[in-house]
Each structure stands twice: as structure tokens, then as C-alpha cells.
Protein backbone atom coordinates (compact mmCIF):
# COMPACT_ATOMS: atom_id res chain seq x y z
CA MET A 1 0.00 0.00 0.00
CA TYR A 2 1.37 3.40 -1.02
CA ILE A 3 0.96 6.28 1.42
CA ASP A 4 1.60 9.77 0.15
CA TYR A 5 3.19 11.93 2.82
CA PRO A 6 2.88 15.70 2.71
CA GLU A 7 5.99 17.77 2.14
CA PHE A 8 6.25 21.28 3.54
CA LEU A 9 8.01 23.47 0.98
CA THR A 10 9.18 27.05 0.71
CA SER A 11 8.41 28.87 -2.54
CA GLN A 12 10.75 31.26 -4.31
CA ASN A 13 8.81 34.06 -2.62
CA GLY A 14 9.56 32.57 0.80
CA LYS A 15 5.98 31.40 1.43
CA ARG A 16 5.17 28.00 2.90
CA MET A 17 3.50 25.44 0.68
CA ILE A 18 2.38 21.84 1.11
CA SER A 19 2.90 19.27 -1.62
CA LEU A 20 0.59 16.27 -1.41
CA GLY A 21 -0.16 13.72 -4.07
CA GLY A 22 1.25 15.83 -6.89
CA TYR A 23 -0.75 18.92 -5.94
CA THR A 24 0.45 22.00 -4.08
CA PHE A 25 -1.42 23.99 -1.46
CA VAL A 26 -0.76 27.53 -0.24
CA CYS A 27 -1.73 28.95 3.12
CA GLN A 28 -4.91 31.00 2.94
CA THR A 29 -5.29 31.97 6.60
CA THR A 30 -3.94 31.17 10.04
CA MET A 31 -5.26 31.51 13.57
CA GLY A 32 -2.74 30.46 16.18
CA GLN A 33 -1.68 26.89 15.38
CA LYS A 34 -4.59 26.37 12.94
CA ALA A 35 -4.14 27.03 9.23
CA ARG A 36 -6.37 26.69 6.17
CA TRP A 37 -4.63 25.85 2.92
CA TRP A 38 -6.13 25.89 -0.55
CA CYS A 39 -4.98 24.46 -3.84
CA SER A 40 -2.38 26.68 -5.46
CA THR A 41 -4.60 26.90 -8.56
CA HIS A 42 -7.54 28.20 -6.52
CA HIS A 43 -7.63 31.59 -8.23
CA LYS A 44 -6.57 30.54 -11.73
CA LYS A 45 -8.75 27.42 -12.06
CA GLN A 46 -11.23 27.88 -9.19
CA CYS A 47 -10.10 24.59 -7.66
CA ARG A 48 -12.00 23.91 -4.40
CA ALA A 49 -9.52 21.49 -2.80
CA VAL A 50 -8.53 22.54 0.73
CA LEU A 51 -6.81 21.16 3.78
CA HIS A 52 -6.57 22.27 7.39
CA THR A 53 -3.56 21.84 9.64
CA LEU A 54 -3.05 22.08 13.37
CA GLY A 55 0.64 22.75 13.78
CA ASP A 56 2.23 20.49 11.17
CA GLU A 57 -0.51 17.84 11.26
CA ILE A 58 -3.23 17.65 8.61
CA VAL A 59 -6.55 17.40 10.45
CA TYR A 60 -8.95 17.82 7.50
CA ILE A 61 -8.62 17.40 3.76
CA ARG A 62 -10.93 17.81 0.77
CA ASN A 63 -8.55 16.61 -1.94
CA GLU A 64 -10.93 16.80 -4.90
CA HIS A 65 -9.30 18.83 -7.66
CA ASN A 66 -10.83 20.01 -10.93
CA HIS A 67 -7.51 19.78 -12.82
CA ALA A 68 -4.63 17.40 -13.46
CA LYS A 69 -1.56 17.20 -11.27
CA LYS A 70 1.21 19.54 -12.26
CA GLN A 71 4.86 18.66 -12.54
CA MET A 72 6.73 20.23 -9.62
CA ASN A 73 9.89 22.08 -10.56
CA THR A 74 12.20 21.28 -7.67
CA ALA A 75 14.43 24.19 -8.65
CA ILE A 76 11.78 26.66 -7.47
CA ALA A 77 11.01 25.10 -4.11
CA THR A 78 13.04 23.71 -1.25
CA ILE A 79 11.83 21.05 1.13
CA SER A 80 11.73 22.37 4.68
CA TYR A 81 10.80 19.15 6.44
CA LEU A 82 8.58 16.10 6.18
CA VAL A 83 5.67 15.29 8.44
């Protein structure tokens, strides 16, 4: 059985991202340790996929995307740490 683990990345702009299953999520809002992340294509493609984290743990995920996975260019992101 294959389990896809999330990777916390840093974009070229210095913002945190999460890579999961070939899709990337960007942080929409935070409140203390809680954070809401939406698909990085949310604005361009109106993708409704979201996930919520508490600290570095994913506590909720709606991983239904309206687009194909994109190829991640590892030159533009660095892996901060794995969960």
C-alpha cells in the first residue's frame, strides 16, 4: 500500500507550501496553530480542494481537484521538512 506523505516546501517568494499527491497547497489563513490551505490553482482554475492543519498535522482534507496534477519544478522550491 502506497501512502503519500505531505511535504512542507518554501516557494521562491519565501511562502510556505504543502505538496501532497502531486498537488500543491498555499496557506490562505492562520489563527494560532490552525491554518487553512487551498490548492495553489484556486484563483486561476477555481479549484476547491482545501486542507486544514493544526501545527504540522493535517486534520482535514478535501482533496478533490478540478484539474490534473502539475509537474513540480524542484528548482523553485526547497523542502523544509517532512511530516
